Amino acid sequence: MAENISYKEAIEEIEKILQQVESGEMDVDQLTDKVKRVSVLLEICNKKLKTTEKEVEKIIKDMQESDE
């Protein structure tokens, strides 16, 4: 899953897929593939959020240590 997509792009794609599902635009034959795609996109978002959280925590920790 080494897909190079930004968090924002992933969220936008998820929203587009959800709109298609909700509007009835999507064929039942496409549904499985789209659900799989959303799963991949959610995993990408989750990893990006965890990485960002760790980076922010490290920055805060470094700032606190430099104040001491």
N, C-alpha and C. Protein backbone atom coordinates (compact mmCIF):
# COMPACT_ATOMS: atom_id res chain seq x y z
N MET A 1 0.83 -1.18 0.00
CA MET A 1 0.00 0.00 0.00
C MET A 1 0.88 1.25 0.00
N ALA A 2 1.84 1.29 -0.86
CA ALA A 2 2.74 2.44 -0.94
C ALA A 2 2.19 3.48 -1.90
N GLU A 3 0.94 3.80 -1.72
CA GLU A 3 0.29 4.76 -2.61
C GLU A 3 0.62 6.18 -2.17
N ASN A 4 1.03 6.99 -3.11
CA ASN A 4 1.41 8.37 -2.80
C ASN A 4 0.20 9.27 -3.02
N ILE A 5 -0.58 9.43 -1.99
CA ILE A 5 -1.78 10.26 -2.04
C ILE A 5 -1.83 11.06 -0.75
N SER A 6 -2.23 12.29 -0.85
CA SER A 6 -2.30 13.12 0.35
C SER A 6 -3.54 12.76 1.16
N TYR A 7 -3.53 13.18 2.41
CA TYR A 7 -4.68 12.94 3.29
C TYR A 7 -5.92 13.59 2.70
N LYS A 8 -5.76 14.82 2.24
CA LYS A 8 -6.89 15.56 1.68
C LYS A 8 -7.45 14.86 0.44
N GLU A 9 -6.57 14.39 -0.43
CA GLU A 9 -7.02 13.68 -1.63
C GLU A 9 -7.76 12.39 -1.27
N ALA A 10 -7.26 11.69 -0.27
CA ALA A 10 -7.91 10.45 0.17
C ALA A 10 -9.31 10.73 0.71
N ILE A 11 -9.42 11.76 1.53
CA ILE A 11 -10.73 12.13 2.10
C ILE A 11 -11.69 12.54 0.98
N GLU A 12 -11.21 13.31 0.03
CA GLU A 12 -12.05 13.74 -1.08
C GLU A 12 -12.54 12.55 -1.90
N GLU A 13 -11.66 11.58 -2.11
CA GLU A 13 -12.06 10.39 -2.87
C GLU A 13 -13.08 9.57 -2.11
N ILE A 14 -12.88 9.45 -0.81
CA ILE A 14 -13.85 8.73 0.03
C ILE A 14 -15.21 9.42 -0.05
N GLU A 15 -15.22 10.74 0.07
CA GLU A 15 -16.47 11.49 0.00
C GLU A 15 -17.16 11.30 -1.35
N LYS A 16 -16.39 11.29 -2.42
CA LYS A 16 -16.95 11.11 -3.76
C LYS A 16 -17.60 9.73 -3.88
N ILE A 17 -16.91 8.71 -3.38
CA ILE A 17 -17.45 7.36 -3.43
C ILE A 17 -18.73 7.27 -2.60
N LEU A 18 -18.72 7.87 -1.42
CA LEU A 18 -19.92 7.85 -0.57
C LEU A 18 -21.10 8.54 -1.24
N GLN A 19 -20.82 9.65 -1.92
CA GLN A 19 -21.89 10.36 -2.64
C GLN A 19 -22.47 9.48 -3.74
N GLN A 20 -21.60 8.75 -4.44
CA GLN A 20 -22.07 7.87 -5.50
C GLN A 20 -22.96 6.76 -4.94
N VAL A 21 -22.54 6.20 -3.81
CA VAL A 21 -23.32 5.14 -3.17
C VAL A 21 -24.66 5.67 -2.71
N GLU A 22 -24.64 6.82 -2.03
CA GLU A 22 -25.87 7.40 -1.50
C GLU A 22 -26.84 7.85 -2.59
N SER A 23 -26.32 8.29 -3.70
CA SER A 23 -27.19 8.80 -4.76
C SER A 23 -27.74 7.68 -5.65
N GLY A 24 -27.22 6.50 -5.49
CA GLY A 24 -27.66 5.39 -6.31
C GLY A 24 -26.99 5.35 -7.67
N GLU A 25 -25.97 6.18 -7.87
CA GLU A 25 -25.25 6.22 -9.14
C GLU A 25 -24.44 4.95 -9.38
N MET A 26 -24.09 4.27 -8.32
CA MET A 26 -23.17 3.16 -8.41
C MET A 26 -23.89 1.86 -8.69
N ASP A 27 -23.37 1.15 -9.64
CA ASP A 27 -23.86 -0.17 -10.00
C ASP A 27 -23.44 -1.16 -8.90
N VAL A 28 -24.28 -2.11 -8.64
CA VAL A 28 -23.99 -3.13 -7.61
C VAL A 28 -22.68 -3.84 -7.93
N ASP A 29 -22.39 -4.02 -9.21
CA ASP A 29 -21.15 -4.69 -9.61
C ASP A 29 -19.91 -3.90 -9.21
N GLN A 30 -20.04 -2.60 -9.07
CA GLN A 30 -18.91 -1.74 -8.69
C GLN A 30 -18.76 -1.63 -7.18
N LEU A 31 -19.79 -1.96 -6.46
CA LEU A 31 -19.83 -1.71 -5.02
C LEU A 31 -18.68 -2.38 -4.28
N THR A 32 -18.41 -3.64 -4.57
CA THR A 32 -17.33 -4.35 -3.88
C THR A 32 -15.99 -3.66 -4.09
N ASP A 33 -15.69 -3.29 -5.34
CA ASP A 33 -14.42 -2.61 -5.63
C ASP A 33 -14.33 -1.27 -4.92
N LYS A 34 -15.44 -0.55 -4.88
CA LYS A 34 -15.44 0.77 -4.23
C LYS A 34 -15.28 0.63 -2.71
N VAL A 35 -15.90 -0.38 -2.13
CA VAL A 35 -15.75 -0.61 -0.69
C VAL A 35 -14.30 -0.96 -0.37
N LYS A 36 -13.68 -1.77 -1.21
CA LYS A 36 -12.26 -2.11 -1.02
C LYS A 36 -11.40 -0.86 -1.12
N ARG A 37 -11.72 0.00 -2.08
CA ARG A 37 -10.96 1.23 -2.27
C ARG A 37 -11.08 2.14 -1.05
N VAL A 38 -12.29 2.27 -0.54
CA VAL A 38 -12.50 3.08 0.66
C VAL A 38 -11.69 2.51 1.82
N SER A 39 -11.66 1.20 1.94
CA SER A 39 -10.88 0.57 3.00
C SER A 39 -9.40 0.93 2.90
N VAL A 40 -8.86 0.89 1.69
CA VAL A 40 -7.45 1.27 1.47
C VAL A 40 -7.24 2.74 1.81
N LEU A 41 -8.16 3.59 1.37
CA LEU A 41 -8.03 5.02 1.64
C LEU A 41 -8.11 5.32 3.13
N LEU A 42 -8.99 4.63 3.83
CA LEU A 42 -9.09 4.83 5.28
C LEU A 42 -7.81 4.39 5.99
N GLU A 43 -7.21 3.31 5.51
CA GLU A 43 -5.94 2.86 6.09
C GLU A 43 -4.84 3.89 5.86
N ILE A 44 -4.81 4.47 4.67
CA ILE A 44 -3.84 5.53 4.36
C ILE A 44 -4.04 6.71 5.31
N CYS A 45 -5.28 7.14 5.47
CA CYS A 45 -5.60 8.26 6.35
C CYS A 45 -5.19 7.96 7.79
N ASN A 46 -5.50 6.77 8.25
CA ASN A 46 -5.16 6.37 9.61
C ASN A 46 -3.65 6.42 9.83
N LYS A 47 -2.88 5.90 8.89
CA LYS A 47 -1.42 5.91 9.03
C LYS A 47 -0.88 7.35 9.02
N LYS A 48 -1.44 8.19 8.16
CA LYS A 48 -0.99 9.58 8.10
C LYS A 48 -1.31 10.31 9.41
N LEU A 49 -2.48 10.05 9.97
CA LEU A 49 -2.85 10.68 11.25
C LEU A 49 -1.94 10.21 12.38
N LYS A 50 -1.64 8.92 12.42
CA LYS A 50 -0.75 8.40 13.47
C LYS A 50 0.66 8.97 13.32
N THR A 51 1.14 9.06 12.10
CA THR A 51 2.47 9.62 11.86
C THR A 51 2.52 11.08 12.29
N THR A 52 1.50 11.83 11.92
CA THR A 52 1.44 13.25 12.28
C THR A 52 1.37 13.40 13.80
N GLU A 53 0.56 12.57 14.44
CA GLU A 53 0.45 12.63 15.90
C GLU A 53 1.80 12.39 16.56
N LYS A 54 2.55 11.40 16.09
CA LYS A 54 3.87 11.10 16.66
C LYS A 54 4.83 12.27 16.44
N GLU A 55 4.78 12.87 15.25
CA GLU A 55 5.67 13.99 14.95
C GLU A 55 5.35 15.19 15.84
N VAL A 56 4.07 15.48 16.03
CA VAL A 56 3.67 16.60 16.88
C VAL A 56 4.07 16.34 18.32
N GLU A 57 3.87 15.12 18.80
CA GLU A 57 4.27 14.78 20.17
C GLU A 57 5.77 14.96 20.34
N LYS A 58 6.56 14.56 19.34
CA LYS A 58 8.01 14.71 19.43
C LYS A 58 8.40 16.19 19.46
N ILE A 59 7.76 16.99 18.63
CA ILE A 59 8.05 18.43 18.61
C ILE A 59 7.74 19.05 19.97
N ILE A 60 6.59 18.70 20.53
CA ILE A 60 6.20 19.24 21.84
C ILE A 60 7.19 18.79 22.91
N LYS A 61 7.57 17.54 22.88
CA LYS A 61 8.53 17.01 23.85
C LYS A 61 9.87 17.74 23.72
N ASP A 62 10.33 17.93 22.48
CA ASP A 62 11.60 18.65 22.25
C ASP A 62 11.51 20.08 22.74
N MET A 63 10.36 20.72 22.54
CA MET A 63 10.18 22.10 23.02
C MET A 63 10.22 22.15 24.53
N GLN A 64 9.57 21.20 25.17
CA GLN A 64 9.54 21.16 26.64
C GLN A 64 10.94 20.92 27.19
N GLU A 65 11.69 20.04 26.55
CA GLU A 65 13.05 19.74 27.01
C GLU A 65 13.97 20.94 26.83
N SER A 66 13.75 21.72 25.79
CA SER A 66 14.61 22.89 25.56
C SER A 66 14.29 24.01 26.56
N ASP A 67 13.07 24.00 27.10
CA ASP A 67 12.67 25.00 28.11
C ASP A 67 13.25 24.68 29.48
N GLU A 68 13.63 23.45 29.68
CA GLU A 68 14.12 23.04 31.02
C GLU A 68 15.52 23.42 31.28
